[in-house]
Amino acid sequence: MSRKNALNEMDRLLEILADAEEHKITELYRRVSLTPETIRTVIEFFKEHGLVKVYLKEDGIYVRITGNGLEFLALSSDKD
């Protein structure tokens, strides 16, 4: 995958999370054309920067965007 396509897929991941709902990580694997390892790395980066929360439930790992993540997306779209 080219670097440009990978960045587009990272944007796609943020678009999915932008609905502020919780998303099971396996759902993200199906919806984004990145390897599970890459998705986990990106999610960990987002988490370290306060853009998402990651938590465990009985049926798996979930990811939800934070208020800071939503603000980041709003700022990013304001620059367009």
N, C-alpha and C. Protein backbone atom coordinates (compact mmCIF):
# COMPACT_ATOMS: atom_id res chain seq x y z
N MET A 1 0.85 -1.18 0.00
CA MET A 1 0.00 0.00 0.00
C MET A 1 0.89 1.24 0.00
N SER A 2 0.55 2.19 -0.83
CA SER A 2 1.34 3.42 -0.89
C SER A 2 1.12 4.26 0.36
N ARG A 3 2.03 5.16 0.59
CA ARG A 3 1.93 6.04 1.77
C ARG A 3 0.66 6.87 1.71
N LYS A 4 0.33 7.38 0.51
CA LYS A 4 -0.88 8.20 0.34
C LYS A 4 -2.13 7.38 0.67
N ASN A 5 -2.20 6.15 0.20
CA ASN A 5 -3.34 5.29 0.49
C ASN A 5 -3.43 4.98 1.98
N ALA A 6 -2.29 4.76 2.61
CA ALA A 6 -2.28 4.48 4.06
C ALA A 6 -2.81 5.69 4.83
N LEU A 7 -2.38 6.89 4.42
CA LEU A 7 -2.89 8.10 5.09
C LEU A 7 -4.38 8.28 4.85
N ASN A 8 -4.85 7.95 3.67
CA ASN A 8 -6.29 8.02 3.39
C ASN A 8 -7.05 7.05 4.28
N GLU A 9 -6.50 5.88 4.51
CA GLU A 9 -7.14 4.90 5.37
C GLU A 9 -7.14 5.35 6.83
N MET A 10 -6.09 6.05 7.24
CA MET A 10 -6.07 6.61 8.60
C MET A 10 -7.16 7.67 8.73
N ASP A 11 -7.33 8.48 7.70
CA ASP A 11 -8.43 9.46 7.69
C ASP A 11 -9.77 8.74 7.76
N ARG A 12 -9.89 7.65 7.04
CA ARG A 12 -11.12 6.86 7.05
C ARG A 12 -11.41 6.34 8.46
N LEU A 13 -10.38 5.92 9.16
CA LEU A 13 -10.53 5.45 10.53
C LEU A 13 -11.09 6.56 11.41
N LEU A 14 -10.54 7.76 11.28
CA LEU A 14 -11.05 8.89 12.06
C LEU A 14 -12.49 9.24 11.68
N GLU A 15 -12.82 9.14 10.39
CA GLU A 15 -14.20 9.40 9.96
C GLU A 15 -15.16 8.42 10.62
N ILE A 16 -14.78 7.17 10.70
CA ILE A 16 -15.62 6.16 11.33
C ILE A 16 -15.82 6.50 12.81
N LEU A 17 -14.73 6.85 13.48
CA LEU A 17 -14.81 7.16 14.91
C LEU A 17 -15.52 8.47 15.19
N ALA A 18 -15.61 9.34 14.21
CA ALA A 18 -16.19 10.68 14.40
C ALA A 18 -17.66 10.65 14.79
N ASP A 19 -18.33 9.51 14.66
CA ASP A 19 -19.74 9.44 15.06
C ASP A 19 -19.91 9.40 16.58
N ALA A 20 -18.78 9.36 17.31
CA ALA A 20 -18.75 9.37 18.78
C ALA A 20 -19.40 8.14 19.41
N GLU A 21 -19.61 7.11 18.62
CA GLU A 21 -20.11 5.84 19.13
C GLU A 21 -18.93 4.94 19.44
N GLU A 22 -19.16 3.91 20.25
CA GLU A 22 -18.09 2.95 20.48
C GLU A 22 -18.04 1.99 19.30
N HIS A 23 -16.83 1.59 18.95
CA HIS A 23 -16.63 0.67 17.83
C HIS A 23 -15.74 -0.47 18.28
N LYS A 24 -16.19 -1.67 18.03
CA LYS A 24 -15.39 -2.84 18.34
C LYS A 24 -14.19 -2.86 17.39
N ILE A 25 -13.03 -3.15 17.90
CA ILE A 25 -11.82 -3.07 17.08
C ILE A 25 -11.90 -4.01 15.88
N THR A 26 -12.57 -5.15 16.02
CA THR A 26 -12.69 -6.07 14.88
C THR A 26 -13.54 -5.45 13.77
N GLU A 27 -14.49 -4.60 14.13
CA GLU A 27 -15.27 -3.86 13.12
C GLU A 27 -14.34 -2.94 12.33
N LEU A 28 -13.44 -2.27 13.04
CA LEU A 28 -12.51 -1.37 12.37
C LEU A 28 -11.61 -2.14 11.42
N TYR A 29 -11.20 -3.35 11.81
CA TYR A 29 -10.39 -4.18 10.93
C TYR A 29 -11.11 -4.45 9.61
N ARG A 30 -12.41 -4.66 9.69
CA ARG A 30 -13.20 -4.95 8.48
C ARG A 30 -13.43 -3.71 7.62
N ARG A 31 -13.52 -2.55 8.24
CA ARG A 31 -13.93 -1.34 7.52
C ARG A 31 -12.76 -0.52 6.97
N VAL A 32 -11.56 -0.79 7.41
CA VAL A 32 -10.40 -0.01 6.99
C VAL A 32 -9.39 -0.95 6.35
N SER A 33 -8.82 -0.54 5.24
CA SER A 33 -7.89 -1.39 4.49
C SER A 33 -6.45 -1.24 4.98
N LEU A 34 -6.27 -1.45 6.26
CA LEU A 34 -4.94 -1.51 6.86
C LEU A 34 -4.84 -2.84 7.60
N THR A 35 -3.64 -3.28 7.86
CA THR A 35 -3.48 -4.53 8.61
C THR A 35 -3.94 -4.30 10.06
N PRO A 36 -4.40 -5.35 10.71
CA PRO A 36 -4.77 -5.20 12.13
C PRO A 36 -3.63 -4.62 12.97
N GLU A 37 -2.40 -5.02 12.69
CA GLU A 37 -1.25 -4.49 13.43
C GLU A 37 -1.13 -2.97 13.23
N THR A 38 -1.30 -2.52 12.00
CA THR A 38 -1.22 -1.08 11.72
C THR A 38 -2.35 -0.33 12.40
N ILE A 39 -3.55 -0.89 12.36
CA ILE A 39 -4.69 -0.25 13.02
C ILE A 39 -4.43 -0.14 14.51
N ARG A 40 -3.93 -1.21 15.13
CA ARG A 40 -3.62 -1.15 16.56
C ARG A 40 -2.57 -0.08 16.86
N THR A 41 -1.57 0.05 15.99
CA THR A 41 -0.53 1.06 16.18
C THR A 41 -1.12 2.47 16.07
N VAL A 42 -1.97 2.68 15.09
CA VAL A 42 -2.60 3.99 14.91
C VAL A 42 -3.50 4.31 16.10
N ILE A 43 -4.30 3.33 16.53
CA ILE A 43 -5.18 3.53 17.67
C ILE A 43 -4.36 3.86 18.92
N GLU A 44 -3.24 3.17 19.11
CA GLU A 44 -2.38 3.45 20.26
C GLU A 44 -1.83 4.87 20.19
N PHE A 45 -1.45 5.32 19.01
CA PHE A 45 -0.98 6.70 18.82
C PHE A 45 -2.09 7.69 19.18
N PHE A 46 -3.29 7.45 18.65
CA PHE A 46 -4.43 8.32 18.96
C PHE A 46 -4.69 8.33 20.48
N LYS A 47 -4.60 7.17 21.11
CA LYS A 47 -4.83 7.06 22.55
C LYS A 47 -3.80 7.86 23.33
N GLU A 48 -2.52 7.71 22.96
CA GLU A 48 -1.45 8.43 23.66
C GLU A 48 -1.62 9.95 23.57
N HIS A 49 -2.29 10.41 22.52
CA HIS A 49 -2.50 11.85 22.32
C HIS A 49 -3.90 12.30 22.75
N GLY A 50 -4.61 11.42 23.45
CA GLY A 50 -5.90 11.77 24.01
C GLY A 50 -7.04 11.90 23.03
N LEU A 51 -6.87 11.32 21.84
CA LEU A 51 -7.91 11.44 20.81
C LEU A 51 -8.95 10.33 20.89
N VAL A 52 -8.60 9.20 21.48
CA VAL A 52 -9.53 8.09 21.63
C VAL A 52 -9.35 7.45 23.00
N LYS A 53 -10.40 6.73 23.41
CA LYS A 53 -10.33 5.85 24.58
C LYS A 53 -10.43 4.42 24.06
N VAL A 54 -9.68 3.54 24.68
CA VAL A 54 -9.73 2.12 24.35
C VAL A 54 -10.09 1.39 25.62
N TYR A 55 -11.06 0.50 25.53
CA TYR A 55 -11.48 -0.22 26.73
C TYR A 55 -11.93 -1.62 26.37
N LEU A 56 -11.88 -2.47 27.39
CA LEU A 56 -12.20 -3.88 27.23
C LEU A 56 -13.58 -4.16 27.81
N LYS A 57 -14.39 -4.87 27.04
CA LYS A 57 -15.67 -5.39 27.49
C LYS A 57 -15.59 -6.90 27.41
N GLU A 58 -16.64 -7.56 27.89
CA GLU A 58 -16.64 -9.03 27.87
C GLU A 58 -16.47 -9.61 26.47
N ASP A 59 -16.98 -8.89 25.46
CA ASP A 59 -16.95 -9.43 24.10
C ASP A 59 -15.85 -8.84 23.22
N GLY A 60 -14.93 -8.08 23.79
CA GLY A 60 -13.82 -7.59 22.97
C GLY A 60 -13.32 -6.21 23.36
N ILE A 61 -12.45 -5.69 22.51
CA ILE A 61 -11.85 -4.37 22.70
C ILE A 61 -12.65 -3.35 21.91
N TYR A 62 -12.91 -2.21 22.55
CA TYR A 62 -13.69 -1.14 21.93
C TYR A 62 -12.89 0.16 21.91
N VAL A 63 -13.21 0.99 20.92
CA VAL A 63 -12.57 2.29 20.75
C VAL A 63 -13.67 3.34 20.59
N ARG A 64 -13.47 4.48 21.27
CA ARG A 64 -14.41 5.60 21.13
C ARG A 64 -13.60 6.89 21.09
N ILE A 65 -13.99 7.79 20.21
CA ILE A 65 -13.32 9.07 20.12
C ILE A 65 -13.63 9.89 21.37
N THR A 66 -12.68 10.71 21.79
CA THR A 66 -12.87 11.57 22.96
C THR A 66 -13.31 12.96 22.51
N GLY A 67 -13.64 13.79 23.49
CA GLY A 67 -13.95 15.19 23.18
C GLY A 67 -12.78 15.87 22.50
N ASN A 68 -11.57 15.59 22.97
CA ASN A 68 -10.36 16.15 22.33
C ASN A 68 -10.24 15.68 20.88
N GLY A 69 -10.58 14.42 20.65
CA GLY A 69 -10.54 13.90 19.28
C GLY A 69 -11.53 14.60 18.38
N LEU A 70 -12.73 14.86 18.89
CA LEU A 70 -13.74 15.57 18.11
C LEU A 70 -13.30 17.01 17.84
N GLU A 71 -12.68 17.65 18.84
CA GLU A 71 -12.17 19.00 18.64
C GLU A 71 -11.07 19.01 17.58
N PHE A 72 -10.20 18.01 17.62
CA PHE A 72 -9.12 17.89 16.62
C PHE A 72 -9.72 17.78 15.23
N LEU A 73 -10.75 16.95 15.08
CA LEU A 73 -11.38 16.79 13.76
C LEU A 73 -12.02 18.09 13.31
N ALA A 74 -12.64 18.81 14.24
CA ALA A 74 -13.27 20.09 13.89
C ALA A 74 -12.21 21.09 13.46
N LEU A 75 -11.10 21.13 14.15
CA LEU A 75 -10.02 22.04 13.77
C LEU A 75 -9.45 21.66 12.41
N SER A 76 -9.30 20.38 12.17
CA SER A 76 -8.76 19.90 10.89
C SER A 76 -9.68 20.29 9.74
N SER A 77 -10.98 20.18 9.94
CA SER A 77 -11.91 20.51 8.86
C SER A 77 -12.01 22.03 8.67
N ASP A 78 -11.76 22.81 9.71
CA ASP A 78 -11.76 24.27 9.59
C ASP A 78 -10.62 24.77 8.70
N LYS A 79 -9.52 24.02 8.65
CA LYS A 79 -8.35 24.41 7.85
C LYS A 79 -8.56 24.15 6.37
N ASP A 80 -9.53 23.32 6.01
CA ASP A 80 -9.75 22.97 4.59
C ASP A 80 -10.25 24.11 3.80
